[in-house]
């Protein structure tokens, strides 16, 4: 959850990561929703402004979600 500094309201967020690949569209579609031996982790970064598309509100974020292969 992310809290708006302007309104104090909370917004639900989802872990999301885009990975480029050489997989066929058919194989990639079959992989949607499956788990892998990798993780998406929260990384603390320098604060930045994020525009909430649904409301047009700008919130300050200090993290990003990053793909990390195990091992």
Protein backbone atom coordinates (compact mmCIF):
# COMPACT_ATOMS: atom_id res chain seq x y z
CA UNK A 1 0.00 0.00 0.00
CA UNK A 2 1.14 3.52 -0.82
CA UNK A 3 -0.18 6.50 1.13
CA UNK A 4 -0.87 9.78 -0.63
CA UNK A 5 0.93 12.70 0.98
CA UNK A 6 -1.77 15.09 -0.25
CA UNK A 7 -5.00 13.28 0.71
CA UNK A 8 -3.78 10.65 3.17
CA UNK A 9 -5.64 7.98 1.17
CA UNK A 10 -4.06 4.58 0.58
CA UNK A 11 -3.62 3.05 -2.86
CA UNK A 12 -3.12 -0.65 -3.48
CA UNK A 13 -0.14 -1.49 -5.65
CA UNK A 14 1.02 -4.71 -7.29
CA UNK A 15 4.48 -6.12 -7.83
CA UNK A 16 5.07 -5.90 -11.54
CA UNK A 17 8.13 -6.38 -13.64
CA UNK A 18 8.64 -6.49 -17.40
CA UNK A 19 11.31 -8.80 -18.79
CA UNK A 20 12.37 -8.85 -22.42
CA UNK A 21 12.91 -12.29 -23.93
CA UNK A 22 13.32 -14.30 -27.10
CA UNK A 23 10.42 -16.62 -26.25
CA UNK A 24 7.68 -17.17 -28.79
CA UNK A 25 4.38 -15.44 -28.08
CA UNK A 26 2.69 -18.81 -27.60
CA UNK A 27 5.25 -20.03 -25.04
CA UNK A 28 5.27 -16.68 -23.23
CA UNK A 29 1.45 -16.78 -23.01
CA UNK A 30 1.65 -20.25 -21.46
CA UNK A 31 4.06 -18.93 -18.80
CA UNK A 32 1.71 -16.18 -17.59
CA UNK A 33 0.75 -16.82 -13.96
CA UNK A 34 3.39 -19.50 -13.40
CA UNK A 35 6.02 -19.25 -10.66
CA UNK A 36 9.75 -19.36 -11.30
CA UNK A 37 12.82 -19.76 -9.13
CA UNK A 38 13.32 -16.01 -9.22
CA UNK A 39 11.89 -13.17 -7.19
CA UNK A 40 10.78 -9.58 -7.49
CA UNK A 41 12.12 -7.56 -4.55
CA UNK A 42 11.55 -4.07 -3.24
CA UNK A 43 14.65 -1.86 -3.63
CA UNK A 44 14.98 1.44 -1.80
CA UNK A 45 15.94 4.21 -4.23
CA UNK A 46 16.22 7.99 -4.23
CA UNK A 47 12.75 9.50 -3.85
CA UNK A 48 10.88 10.29 -7.07
CA UNK A 49 7.42 11.50 -8.04
CA UNK A 50 4.92 9.01 -9.47
CA UNK A 51 1.73 9.99 -11.30
CA UNK A 52 -1.22 7.78 -10.30
CA UNK A 53 -2.89 7.20 -13.70
CA UNK A 54 -6.40 6.66 -12.30
CA UNK A 55 -6.54 9.89 -10.27
CA UNK A 56 -3.89 12.16 -11.80
CA UNK A 57 -2.42 12.60 -8.31
CA UNK A 58 1.36 12.77 -7.86
CA UNK A 59 2.77 10.70 -4.98
CA UNK A 60 6.34 10.46 -3.81
CA UNK A 61 7.86 6.99 -4.06
CA UNK A 62 11.16 5.82 -2.59
CA UNK A 63 11.29 2.24 -3.90
CA UNK A 64 11.14 0.24 -7.11
CA UNK A 65 10.36 -3.43 -7.77
CA UNK A 66 13.35 -5.28 -9.26
CA UNK A 67 13.67 -8.74 -10.80
CA UNK A 68 16.38 -10.81 -9.07
CA UNK A 69 17.46 -14.27 -10.27
CA UNK A 70 18.12 -16.73 -7.44
CA UNK A 71 21.71 -17.76 -6.76
